Amino acid sequence: MSIVRLVIGGGLLLWPAVARPCSMCRCGDPTFNALGKDGFAALGWHVALDAERFDKTEGDPAGDAESLVEHRYTLFGSYGLGEKVTLLARVPLSERRLATASPAGTPETVNTQGLGDPEIQGQLRLWRSRFGAGVGRRASLTVTAGIKTPWGENDVSQGGTRVDEHAQPGTGATDLTGGLAFLYLLDRQSAVFASAAYRHTGTNSHGYRYGSSVLANLTFERKIGGRLDGVVELNFRNAAQDVVDGSGTRDPDTGGSLLYVTPRLLLDLGRGVVLRAAVQIPTFHALNGFQQERAVVNVGFTYLVGGR
């Protein structure tokens, strides 16, 4: 328990001073999701593929409202250089269904699909403890930095008209992310992981800017059997309201704070292949305006190239 209190306290110290709420930001640490605790110490190549379902409603149900369901498929790759540096890249494909309704109009549904915004990230291990008996290096502190490119599709049109921003597969803007991650091995069967990051969002060519956000995560992982690991996470997001045009007008039904509790299972199939399944369950929210975020389902697999 003293270790858990230390991790929580350290996470609060690492918390950025400004907490700004993004209507489309995901909770959770994508690197930990794909690679687990070994992703912050792994050599060589890893590849992963994830499928995720996201469901959200914005706007007053009695007035103008929109409901978005997204299925996202993300190809992930990482390469560890020695013991200190890891390079990572993510390429998402997005399928979206946006349904809009208003008291004065006919409900409309827009379906889109296309390339999301690829992201590149680097990790640098700032510190590692000495080797401990039976567990190897017991603790590590890592700094992360990344850039989300504007290369996703952001000009999808139907009937000669550009579709709503939330139906676009990509944001059309450059985002910058920086943060810290701490890993502590309690013993050979269990570990605690914590991370905190700030994502600074850019403005696209149409004047739209998703709200900048702070993301924080606290995770406990434990071996259940020879091939099965169980994980419980707390995933927190605090995001600013979206800016909808060049005049600085903000969308009142975006941004705010949200906490997920996330159970996850990992099954080692051998030969370097691990299957993963998780459900992010919203448990606390202080969202702006009229918003409802539902559970996020994530399934995927990770492959260590050359693994056994």
C-alpha atoms as a PDB file:
ATOM      1  CA  MET A   1       0.000   0.000   0.000  1.00  0.00           C
ATOM      2  CA  SER A   2       2.898   2.358   0.625  1.00  0.00           C
ATOM      3  CA  ILE A   3       3.991   1.826  -2.987  1.00  0.00           C
ATOM      4  CA  VAL A   4       0.480   2.574  -4.253  1.00  0.00           C
ATOM      5  CA  ARG A   5       0.353   5.786  -2.194  1.00  0.00           C
ATOM      6  CA  LEU A   6       3.777   6.735  -3.572  1.00  0.00           C
ATOM      7  CA  VAL A   7       2.602   6.232  -7.156  1.00  0.00           C
ATOM      8  CA  ILE A   8      -0.598   8.249  -6.585  1.00  0.00           C
ATOM      9  CA  GLY A   9       1.347  11.042  -4.921  1.00  0.00           C
ATOM     10  CA  GLY A  10       3.905  11.047  -7.717  1.00  0.00           C
ATOM     11  CA  GLY A  11       1.137  11.255 -10.283  1.00  0.00           C
ATOM     12  CA  LEU A  12      -0.272  14.337  -8.562  1.00  0.00           C
ATOM     13  CA  LEU A  13       3.157  15.962  -8.571  1.00  0.00           C
ATOM     14  CA  LEU A  14       3.479  15.262 -12.286  1.00  0.00           C
ATOM     15  CA  TRP A  15       0.029  16.751 -12.992  1.00  0.00           C
ATOM     16  CA  PRO A  16       0.267  19.771 -15.317  1.00  0.00           C
ATOM     17  CA  ALA A  17      -0.719  23.064 -13.714  1.00  0.00           C
ATOM     18  CA  VAL A  18      -3.332  23.805 -16.402  1.00  0.00           C
ATOM     19  CA  ALA A  19      -6.148  21.264 -16.794  1.00  0.00           C
ATOM     20  CA  ARG A  20      -8.003  21.887 -20.007  1.00  0.00           C
ATOM     21  CA  PRO A  21     -10.840  19.811 -21.222  1.00  0.00           C
ATOM     22  CA  CYS A  22     -11.544  17.450 -26.264  1.00  0.00           C
ATOM     23  CA  SER A  23     -14.700  15.923 -27.259  1.00  0.00           C
ATOM     24  CA  MET A  24     -12.942  13.218 -29.271  1.00  0.00           C
ATOM     25  CA  CYS A  25      -9.888  12.481 -27.088  1.00  0.00           C
ATOM     26  CA  ARG A  26      -9.567   8.929 -25.837  1.00  0.00           C
ATOM     27  CA  CYS A  27      -8.863   8.040 -22.234  1.00  0.00           C
ATOM     28  CA  GLY A  28      -6.085   5.642 -21.363  1.00  0.00           C
ATOM     29  CA  ASP A  29      -2.432   5.210 -22.273  1.00  0.00           C
ATOM     30  CA  PRO A  30      -2.271   3.799 -25.847  1.00  0.00           C
ATOM     31  CA  THR A  31       1.262   2.449 -25.409  1.00  0.00           C
ATOM     32  CA  PHE A  32       0.394   0.597 -22.206  1.00  0.00           C
ATOM     33  CA  ASN A  33      -2.784  -0.658 -23.870  1.00  0.00           C
ATOM     34  CA  ALA A  34      -0.831  -2.159 -26.783  1.00  0.00           C
ATOM     35  CA  LEU A  35       2.326  -3.353 -25.030  1.00  0.00           C
ATOM     36  CA  GLY A  36       1.540  -3.607 -21.324  1.00  0.00           C
ATOM     37  CA  LYS A  37       4.256  -3.036 -18.756  1.00  0.00           C
ATOM     38  CA  ASP A  38       6.861  -4.639 -21.058  1.00  0.00           C
ATOM     39  CA  GLY A  39       6.330  -1.844 -23.591  1.00  0.00           C
ATOM     40  CA  PHE A  40       8.467   0.464 -21.481  1.00  0.00           C
ATOM     41  CA  ALA A  41      11.445  -1.897 -21.507  1.00  0.00           C
ATOM     42  CA  ALA A  42      11.056  -3.900 -24.709  1.00  0.00           C
ATOM     43  CA  LEU A  43      13.768  -4.366 -27.320  1.00  0.00           C
ATOM     44  CA  GLY A  44      13.143  -5.026 -30.997  1.00  0.00           C
ATOM     45  CA  TRP A  45       9.944  -4.795 -32.994  1.00  0.00           C
ATOM     46  CA  HIS A  46       6.376  -5.011 -31.701  1.00  0.00           C
ATOM     47  CA  VAL A  47       3.260  -4.718 -33.848  1.00  0.00           C
ATOM     48  CA  ALA A  48      -0.326  -4.495 -32.649  1.00  0.00           C
ATOM     49  CA  LEU A  49      -3.794  -4.173 -34.124  1.00  0.00           C
ATOM     50  CA  ASP A  50      -6.753  -2.765 -32.182  1.00  0.00           C
ATOM     51  CA  ALA A  51     -10.479  -2.473 -32.845  1.00  0.00           C
ATOM     52  CA  GLU A  52     -12.444   0.017 -30.756  1.00  0.00           C
ATOM     53  CA  ARG A  53     -16.059   1.162 -30.521  1.00  0.00           C
ATOM     54  CA  PHE A  54     -16.860   4.669 -29.268  1.00  0.00           C
ATOM     55  CA  ASP A  55     -20.379   6.011 -28.642  1.00  0.00           C
ATOM     56  CA  LYS A  56     -21.261   9.582 -27.637  1.00  0.00           C
ATOM     57  CA  THR A  57     -24.202  11.998 -27.700  1.00  0.00           C
ATOM     58  CA  GLU A  58     -23.908  15.799 -27.668  1.00  0.00           C
ATOM     59  CA  GLY A  59     -26.594  18.460 -27.501  1.00  0.00           C
ATOM     60  CA  ASP A  60     -29.979  18.860 -25.826  1.00  0.00           C
ATOM     61  CA  PRO A  61     -32.197  15.844 -26.610  1.00  0.00           C
ATOM     62  CA  ALA A  62     -35.180  18.234 -26.695  1.00  0.00           C
ATOM     63  CA  GLY A  63     -33.374  20.538 -29.144  1.00  0.00           C
ATOM     64  CA  ASP A  64     -30.434  20.193 -31.515  1.00  0.00           C
ATOM     65  CA  ALA A  65     -28.512  16.998 -30.781  1.00  0.00           C
ATOM     66  CA  GLU A  66     -26.065  14.676 -32.495  1.00  0.00           C
ATOM     67  CA  SER A  67     -25.137  11.080 -31.807  1.00  0.00           C
ATOM     68  CA  LEU A  68     -21.805   9.664 -32.951  1.00  0.00           C
ATOM     69  CA  VAL A  69     -20.766   6.012 -33.162  1.00  0.00           C
ATOM     70  CA  GLU A  70     -17.212   5.327 -34.297  1.00  0.00           C
ATOM     71  CA  HIS A  71     -15.433   2.072 -35.071  1.00  0.00           C
ATOM     72  CA  ARG A  72     -11.698   2.673 -35.125  1.00  0.00           C
ATOM     73  CA  TYR A  73      -9.030   0.217 -36.294  1.00  0.00           C
ATOM     74  CA  THR A  74      -5.472   1.127 -35.329  1.00  0.00           C
ATOM     75  CA  LEU A  75      -2.224  -0.398 -36.562  1.00  0.00           C
ATOM     76  CA  PHE A  76       0.562   0.120 -34.037  1.00  0.00           C
ATOM     77  CA  GLY A  77       4.299  -0.440 -34.331  1.00  0.00           C
ATOM     78  CA  SER A  78       7.222   0.120 -31.958  1.00  0.00           C
ATOM     79  CA  TYR A  79      10.957  -0.435 -31.990  1.00  0.00           C
ATOM     80  CA  GLY A  80      13.176  -0.450 -28.917  1.00  0.00           C
ATOM     81  CA  LEU A  81      16.681   0.979 -29.330  1.00  0.00           C
ATOM     82  CA  GLY A  82      18.805  -0.367 -26.507  1.00  0.00           C
ATOM     83  CA  GLU A  83      17.458   0.106 -22.982  1.00  0.00           C
ATOM     84  CA  LYS A  84      16.621   3.805 -23.135  1.00  0.00           C
ATOM     85  CA  VAL A  85      14.841   4.765 -26.352  1.00  0.00           C
ATOM     86  CA  THR A  86      11.666   3.441 -27.981  1.00  0.00           C
ATOM     87  CA  LEU A  87      10.071   4.775 -31.160  1.00  0.00           C
ATOM     88  CA  LEU A  88       6.342   4.260 -31.783  1.00  0.00           C
ATOM     89  CA  ALA A  89       3.834   4.933 -34.559  1.00  0.00           C
ATOM     90  CA  ARG A  90       0.051   4.556 -34.838  1.00  0.00           C
ATOM     91  CA  VAL A  91      -2.069   4.642 -38.014  1.00  0.00           C
ATOM     92  CA  PRO A  92      -5.880   4.634 -37.470  1.00  0.00           C
ATOM     93  CA  LEU A  93      -8.727   3.911 -39.862  1.00  0.00           C
ATOM     94  CA  SER A  94     -12.113   5.294 -38.865  1.00  0.00           C
ATOM     95  CA  GLU A  95     -15.735   4.416 -39.640  1.00  0.00           C
ATOM     96  CA  ARG A  96     -18.240   6.946 -38.286  1.00  0.00           C
ATOM     97  CA  ARG A  97     -22.013   7.287 -38.186  1.00  0.00           C
ATOM     98  CA  LEU A  98     -23.251  10.731 -37.163  1.00  0.00           C
ATOM     99  CA  ALA A  99     -26.977  11.184 -36.600  1.00  0.00           C
ATOM    100  CA  THR A 100     -28.287  14.731 -36.110  1.00  0.00           C
ATOM    101  CA  ALA A 101     -31.767  15.833 -35.095  1.00  0.00           C
ATOM    102  CA  SER A 102     -33.576  19.091 -34.351  1.00  0.00           C
ATOM    103  CA  PRO A 103     -37.186  19.990 -33.492  1.00  0.00           C
ATOM    104  CA  ALA A 104     -37.549  21.958 -36.736  1.00  0.00           C
ATOM    105  CA  GLY A 105     -35.860  19.517 -39.117  1.00  0.00           C
ATOM    106  CA  THR A 106     -35.760  15.953 -40.362  1.00  0.00           C
ATOM    107  CA  PRO A 107     -33.187  13.699 -38.661  1.00  0.00           C
ATOM    108  CA  GLU A 108     -30.145  13.118 -40.842  1.00  0.00           C
ATOM    109  CA  THR A 109     -27.509  10.391 -40.744  1.00  0.00           C
ATOM    110  CA  VAL A 110     -24.047  10.660 -42.264  1.00  0.00           C
ATOM    111  CA  ASN A 111     -21.735   7.666 -42.707  1.00  0.00           C
ATOM    112  CA  THR A 112     -18.036   8.172 -43.418  1.00  0.00           C
ATOM    113  CA  GLN A 113     -14.872   6.118 -43.471  1.00  0.00           C
ATOM    114  CA  GLY A 114     -11.236   6.904 -44.125  1.00  0.00           C
ATOM    115  CA  LEU A 115      -7.763   7.454 -42.736  1.00  0.00           C
ATOM    116  CA  GLY A 116      -7.486   9.012 -39.280  1.00  0.00           C
ATOM    117  CA  ASP A 117      -4.507  11.065 -38.127  1.00  0.00           C
ATOM    118  CA  PRO A 118      -1.255   9.042 -37.909  1.00  0.00           C
ATOM    119  CA  GLU A 119       0.780   9.652 -34.752  1.00  0.00           C
ATOM    120  CA  ILE A 120       4.511   9.358 -34.041  1.00  0.00           C
ATOM    121  CA  GLN A 121       5.929   9.149 -30.531  1.00  0.00           C
ATOM    122  CA  GLY A 122       9.259   8.692 -28.775  1.00  0.00           C
ATOM    123  CA  GLN A 123      10.059   7.430 -25.281  1.00  0.00           C
ATOM    124  CA  LEU A 124      13.204   8.119 -23.291  1.00  0.00           C
ATOM    125  CA  ARG A 125      13.923   6.271 -20.055  1.00  0.00           C
ATOM    126  CA  LEU A 126      15.131   8.954 -17.655  1.00  0.00           C
ATOM    127  CA  TRP A 127      15.875   6.599 -14.776  1.00  0.00           C
ATOM    128  CA  ARG A 128      15.875   2.917 -13.887  1.00  0.00           C
ATOM    129  CA  SER A 129      16.506   1.231 -10.581  1.00  0.00           C
ATOM    130  CA  ARG A 130      19.248  -1.309 -10.095  1.00  0.00           C
ATOM    131  CA  PHE A 131      18.544  -4.961 -10.759  1.00  0.00           C
ATOM    132  CA  GLY A 132      16.485  -6.545  -7.986  1.00  0.00           C
ATOM    133  CA  ALA A 133      16.579 -10.200  -7.074  1.00  0.00           C
ATOM    134  CA  GLY A 134      13.979 -12.122  -9.070  1.00  0.00           C
ATOM    135  CA  VAL A 135      12.368  -9.105 -10.749  1.00  0.00           C
ATOM    136  CA  GLY A 136      15.136  -7.443 -12.763  1.00  0.00           C
ATOM    137  CA  ARG A 137      14.858  -3.655 -12.838  1.00  0.00           C
ATOM    138  CA  ARG A 138      12.139  -2.901 -10.311  1.00  0.00           C
ATOM    139  CA  ALA A 139      11.226   0.677 -11.279  1.00  0.00           C
ATOM    140  CA  SER A 140      11.579   3.085 -14.183  1.00  0.00           C
ATOM    141  CA  LEU A 141      10.640   6.655 -15.110  1.00  0.00           C
ATOM    142  CA  THR A 142      10.035   7.519 -18.756  1.00  0.00           C
ATOM    143  CA  VAL A 143       9.400  10.781 -20.581  1.00  0.00           C
ATOM    144  CA  THR A 144       7.218  10.660 -23.701  1.00  0.00           C
ATOM    145  CA  ALA A 145       6.747  13.135 -26.551  1.00  0.00           C
ATOM    146  CA  GLY A 146       4.732  12.811 -29.721  1.00  0.00           C
ATOM    147  CA  ILE A 147       3.111  14.522 -32.667  1.00  0.00           C
ATOM    148  CA  LYS A 148      -0.260  13.723 -34.199  1.00  0.00           C
ATOM    149  CA  THR A 149      -0.070  14.595 -37.870  1.00  0.00           C
ATOM    150  CA  PRO A 150      -2.837  16.341 -39.879  1.00  0.00           C
ATOM    151  CA  TRP A 151      -2.696  13.648 -42.583  1.00  0.00           C
ATOM    152  CA  GLY A 152      -6.097  12.121 -41.852  1.00  0.00           C
ATOM    153  CA  GLU A 153      -9.064  12.813 -44.135  1.00  0.00           C
ATOM    154  CA  ASN A 154     -10.753  16.059 -43.071  1.00  0.00           C
ATOM    155  CA  ASP A 155     -12.491  17.203 -46.255  1.00  0.00           C
ATOM    156  CA  VAL A 156     -14.985  14.391 -46.781  1.00  0.00           C
ATOM    157  CA  SER A 157     -18.026  15.714 -48.660  1.00  0.00           C
ATOM    158  CA  GLN A 158     -21.398  14.255 -49.532  1.00  0.00           C
ATOM    159  CA  GLY A 159     -23.727  15.804 -52.093  1.00  0.00           C
ATOM    160  CA  GLY A 160     -21.151  18.515 -52.742  1.00  0.00           C
ATOM    161  CA  THR A 161     -21.163  19.679 -49.093  1.00  0.00           C
ATOM    162  CA  ARG A 162     -18.456  19.046 -46.506  1.00  0.00           C
ATOM    163  CA  VAL A 163     -19.863  16.864 -43.725  1.00  0.00           C
ATOM    164  CA  ASP A 164     -19.890  17.896 -40.059  1.00  0.00           C
ATOM    165  CA  GLU A 165     -16.525  18.082 -38.304  1.00  0.00           C
ATOM    166  CA  HIS A 166     -17.388  15.196 -35.977  1.00  0.00           C
ATOM    167  CA  ALA A 167     -18.064  12.937 -38.972  1.00  0.00           C
ATOM    168  CA  GLN A 168     -14.616  13.570 -40.472  1.00  0.00           C
ATOM    169  CA  PRO A 169     -12.197  10.609 -40.056  1.00  0.00           C
ATOM    170  CA  GLY A 170      -9.295  12.975 -39.278  1.00  0.00           C
ATOM    171  CA  THR A 171      -9.004  16.303 -37.478  1.00  0.00           C
ATOM    172  CA  GLY A 172      -6.887  18.069 -40.130  1.00  0.00           C
ATOM    173  CA  ALA A 173      -4.716  19.595 -37.383  1.00  0.00           C
ATOM    174  CA  THR A 174      -1.335  18.976 -35.765  1.00  0.00           C
ATOM    175  CA  ASP A 175      -1.341  18.056 -32.058  1.00  0.00           C
ATOM    176  CA  LEU A 176       1.633  17.869 -29.688  1.00  0.00           C
ATOM    177  CA  THR A 177       1.778  15.554 -26.667  1.00  0.00           C
ATOM    178  CA  GLY A 178       4.207  15.306 -23.758  1.00  0.00           C
ATOM    179  CA  GLY A 179       4.137  13.380 -20.509  1.00  0.00           C
ATOM    180  CA  LEU A 180       5.741  11.096 -17.939  1.00  0.00           C
ATOM    181  CA  ALA A 181       5.219   7.407 -17.121  1.00  0.00           C
ATOM    182  CA  PHE A 182       6.260   5.487 -13.999  1.00  0.00           C
ATOM    183  CA  LEU A 183       6.409   1.694 -13.665  1.00  0.00           C
ATOM    184  CA  TYR A 184       6.979  -0.249 -10.449  1.00  0.00           C
ATOM    185  CA  LEU A 185       7.162  -4.042 -10.213  1.00  0.00           C
ATOM    186  CA  LEU A 186       5.667  -5.107  -6.894  1.00  0.00           C
ATOM    187  CA  ASP A 187       6.877  -8.688  -7.396  1.00  0.00           C
ATOM    188  CA  ARG A 188       7.195 -11.227 -10.202  1.00  0.00           C
ATOM    189  CA  GLN A 189       3.397 -11.417 -10.586  1.00  0.00           C
ATOM    190  CA  SER A 190       2.202  -7.825 -10.240  1.00  0.00           C
ATOM    191  CA  ALA A 191       3.036  -4.249 -11.188  1.00  0.00           C
ATOM    192  CA  VAL A 192       1.747  -0.686 -10.801  1.00  0.00           C
ATOM    193  CA  PHE A 193       1.846   1.780 -13.700  1.00  0.00           C
ATOM    194  CA  ALA A 194       1.040   5.507 -13.719  1.00  0.00           C
ATOM    195  CA  SER A 195       1.195   8.129 -16.463  1.00  0.00           C
ATOM    196  CA  ALA A 196       0.185  11.740 -17.040  1.00  0.00           C
ATOM    197  CA  ALA A 197       0.237  13.643 -20.337  1.00  0.00           C
ATOM    198  CA  TYR A 198      -0.868  16.923 -21.862  1.00  0.00           C
ATOM    199  CA  ARG A 199      -2.133  17.109 -25.458  1.00  0.00           C
ATOM    200  CA  HIS A 200      -1.987  20.547 -27.120  1.00  0.00           C
ATOM    201  CA  THR A 201      -4.339  20.581 -30.088  1.00  0.00           C
ATOM    202  CA  GLY A 202      -3.998  22.602 -33.269  1.00  0.00           C
ATOM    203  CA  THR A 203      -6.527  24.358 -35.519  1.00  0.00           C
ATOM    204  CA  ASN A 204      -7.424  22.931 -38.920  1.00  0.00           C
ATOM    205  CA  SER A 205      -7.925  24.860 -42.161  1.00  0.00           C
ATOM    206  CA  HIS A 206     -11.654  25.236 -41.420  1.00  0.00           C
ATOM    207  CA  GLY A 207     -11.014  27.016 -38.115  1.00  0.00           C
ATOM    208  CA  TYR A 208     -12.027  24.050 -35.941  1.00  0.00           C
ATOM    209  CA  ARG A 209      -9.939  23.117 -32.915  1.00  0.00           C
ATOM    210  CA  TYR A 210     -10.662  20.210 -30.589  1.00  0.00           C
ATOM    211  CA  GLY A 211     -10.066  21.124 -26.955  1.00  0.00           C
ATOM    212  CA  SER A 212      -6.610  20.554 -25.484  1.00  0.00           C
ATOM    213  CA  SER A 213      -6.601  17.889 -22.807  1.00  0.00           C
ATOM    214  CA  VAL A 214      -4.894  16.360 -19.802  1.00  0.00           C
ATOM    215  CA  LEU A 215      -4.842  12.569 -19.557  1.00  0.00           C
ATOM    216  CA  ALA A 216      -3.897  10.588 -16.441  1.00  0.00           C
ATOM    217  CA  ASN A 217      -3.849   6.849 -15.767  1.00  0.00           C
ATOM    218  CA  LEU A 218      -3.271   4.552 -12.801  1.00  0.00           C
ATOM    219  CA  THR A 219      -3.023   0.805 -13.436  1.00  0.00           C
ATOM    220  CA  PHE A 220      -2.588  -2.401 -11.462  1.00  0.00           C
ATOM    221  CA  GLU A 221      -1.611  -5.564 -13.369  1.00  0.00           C
ATOM    222  CA  ARG A 222      -1.311  -9.079 -11.956  1.00  0.00           C
ATOM    223  CA  LYS A 223      -0.744 -12.545 -13.341  1.00  0.00           C
ATOM    224  CA  ILE A 224      -3.778 -14.776 -12.869  1.00  0.00           C
ATOM    225  CA  GLY A 225      -2.260 -17.927 -14.333  1.00  0.00           C
ATOM    226  CA  GLY A 226       0.549 -19.099 -16.526  1.00  0.00           C
ATOM    227  CA  ARG A 227      -0.829 -17.341 -19.619  1.00  0.00           C
ATOM    228  CA  LEU A 228      -3.472 -14.929 -18.298  1.00  0.00           C
ATOM    229  CA  ASP A 229      -2.992 -11.431 -16.837  1.00  0.00           C
ATOM    230  CA  GLY A 230      -5.669  -9.268 -15.245  1.00  0.00           C
ATOM    231  CA  VAL A 231      -5.538  -5.464 -15.302  1.00  0.00           C
ATOM    232  CA  VAL A 232      -7.615  -2.771 -13.591  1.00  0.00           C
ATOM    233  CA  GLU A 233      -7.160   0.848 -14.681  1.00  0.00           C
ATOM    234  CA  LEU A 234      -8.379   4.302 -13.732  1.00  0.00           C
ATOM    235  CA  ASN A 235      -8.389   6.510 -16.865  1.00  0.00           C
ATOM    236  CA  PHE A 236      -9.017  10.252 -16.440  1.00  0.00           C
ATOM    237  CA  ARG A 237      -9.505  12.981 -19.046  1.00  0.00           C
ATOM    238  CA  ASN A 238     -10.002  16.715 -18.627  1.00  0.00           C
ATOM    239  CA  ALA A 239     -10.579  18.607 -21.887  1.00  0.00           C
ATOM    240  CA  ALA A 240     -11.341  22.166 -22.967  1.00  0.00           C
ATOM    241  CA  GLN A 241     -14.347  23.118 -25.080  1.00  0.00           C
ATOM    242  CA  ASP A 242     -13.926  22.850 -28.847  1.00  0.00           C
ATOM    243  CA  VAL A 243     -13.413  26.045 -30.869  1.00  0.00           C
ATOM    244  CA  VAL A 244     -15.719  25.834 -33.895  1.00  0.00           C
ATOM    245  CA  ASP A 245     -14.552  28.689 -36.149  1.00  0.00           C
ATOM    246  CA  GLY A 246     -11.948  31.380 -36.719  1.00  0.00           C
ATOM    247  CA  SER A 247     -13.772  33.855 -34.489  1.00  0.00           C
ATOM    248  CA  GLY A 248     -13.071  31.737 -31.405  1.00  0.00           C
ATOM    249  CA  THR A 249     -16.669  30.612 -30.821  1.00  0.00           C
ATOM    250  CA  ARG A 250     -16.801  27.578 -28.516  1.00  0.00           C
ATOM    251  CA  ASP A 251     -19.134  24.616 -28.592  1.00  0.00           C
ATOM    252  CA  PRO A 252     -20.868  24.590 -25.168  1.00  0.00           C
ATOM    253  CA  ASP A 253     -21.594  20.848 -25.419  1.00  0.00           C
ATOM    254  CA  THR A 254     -17.946  19.764 -25.509  1.00  0.00           C
ATOM    255  CA  GLY A 255     -15.178  19.409 -22.934  1.00  0.00           C
ATOM    256  CA  GLY A 256     -15.186  18.630 -19.238  1.00  0.00           C
ATOM    257  CA  SER A 257     -13.881  15.863 -16.991  1.00  0.00           C
ATOM    258  CA  LEU A 258     -14.440  12.123 -17.196  1.00  0.00           C
ATOM    259  CA  LEU A 259     -13.170   9.114 -15.234  1.00  0.00           C
ATOM    260  CA  TYR A 260     -13.296   5.549 -16.542  1.00  0.00           C
ATOM    261  CA  VAL A 261     -12.753   2.299 -14.664  1.00  0.00           C
ATOM    262  CA  THR A 262     -11.252  -0.180 -17.102  1.00  0.00           C
ATOM    263  CA  PRO A 263     -10.971  -3.945 -16.537  1.00  0.00           C
ATOM    264  CA  ARG A 264      -8.683  -5.678 -19.037  1.00  0.00           C
ATOM    265  CA  LEU A 265      -7.615  -9.259 -19.757  1.00  0.00           C
ATOM    266  CA  LEU A 266      -4.452 -10.343 -21.573  1.00  0.00           C
ATOM    267  CA  LEU A 267      -4.000 -13.891 -22.874  1.00  0.00           C
ATOM    268  CA  ASP A 268      -0.533 -15.059 -23.921  1.00  0.00           C
ATOM    269  CA  LEU A 269      -0.941 -17.443 -26.864  1.00  0.00           C
ATOM    270  CA  GLY A 270       2.786 -18.109 -27.153  1.00  0.00           C
ATOM    271  CA  ARG A 271       5.190 -17.335 -30.001  1.00  0.00           C
ATOM    272  CA  GLY A 272       5.039 -13.645 -29.101  1.00  0.00           C
ATOM    273  CA  VAL A 273       1.263 -13.228 -29.564  1.00  0.00           C
ATOM    274  CA  VAL A 274      -0.931 -11.687 -26.830  1.00  0.00           C
ATOM    275  CA  LEU A 275      -4.705 -11.201 -27.158  1.00  0.00           C
ATOM    276  CA  ARG A 276      -6.265  -8.253 -25.299  1.00  0.00           C
ATOM    277  CA  ALA A 277      -9.814  -7.225 -24.392  1.00  0.00           C
ATOM    278  CA  ALA A 278     -11.000  -4.252 -22.316  1.00  0.00           C
ATOM    279  CA  VAL A 279     -14.101  -2.220 -21.487  1.00  0.00           C
ATOM    280  CA  GLN A 280     -13.806   1.419 -20.376  1.00  0.00           C
ATOM    281  CA  ILE A 281     -16.747   2.104 -18.067  1.00  0.00           C
ATOM    282  CA  PRO A 282     -17.584   5.775 -17.358  1.00  0.00           C
ATOM    283  CA  THR A 283     -18.018   6.185 -13.587  1.00  0.00           C
ATOM    284  CA  PHE A 284     -17.633   9.922 -12.884  1.00  0.00           C
ATOM    285  CA  HIS A 285     -18.223  12.880 -15.153  1.00  0.00           C
ATOM    286  CA  ALA A 286     -18.400  16.652 -14.993  1.00  0.00           C
ATOM    287  CA  LEU A 287     -19.045  17.380 -18.656  1.00  0.00           C
ATOM    288  CA  ASN A 288     -20.038  20.737 -20.117  1.00  0.00           C
ATOM    289  CA  GLY A 289     -23.552  21.258 -21.466  1.00  0.00           C
ATOM    290  CA  PHE A 290     -25.447  18.203 -22.695  1.00  0.00           C
ATOM    291  CA  GLN A 291     -23.117  15.221 -23.207  1.00  0.00           C
ATOM    292  CA  GLN A 292     -23.320  11.486 -22.670  1.00  0.00           C
ATOM    293  CA  GLU A 293     -20.355   9.170 -23.148  1.00  0.00           C
ATOM    294  CA  ARG A 294     -20.965   5.437 -23.062  1.00  0.00           C
ATOM    295  CA  ALA A 295     -18.683   2.466 -22.456  1.00  0.00           C
ATOM    296  CA  VAL A 296     -15.777   2.046 -24.882  1.00  0.00           C
ATOM    297  CA  VAL A 297     -14.991  -1.513 -26.002  1.00  0.00           C
ATOM    298  CA  ASN A 298     -11.438  -2.366 -27.121  1.00  0.00           C
ATOM    299  CA  VAL A 299     -10.086  -5.664 -28.447  1.00  0.00           C
ATOM    300  CA  GLY A 300      -6.774  -6.385 -30.118  1.00  0.00           C
ATOM    301  CA  PHE A 301      -3.600  -8.392 -30.269  1.00  0.00           C
ATOM    302  CA  THR A 302       0.092  -7.660 -29.918  1.00  0.00           C
ATOM    303  CA  TYR A 303       2.921  -9.535 -31.646  1.00  0.00           C
ATOM    304  CA  LEU A 304       6.573  -9.485 -30.641  1.00  0.00           C
ATOM    305  CA  VAL A 305       8.462 -10.030 -33.896  1.00  0.00           C
ATOM    306  CA  GLY A 306      10.690 -13.027 -33.375  1.00  0.00           C
ATOM    307  CA  GLY A 307       8.993 -13.747 -30.008  1.00  0.00           C
ATOM    308  CA  ARG A 308       8.533 -17.222 -28.585  1.00  0.00           C
END
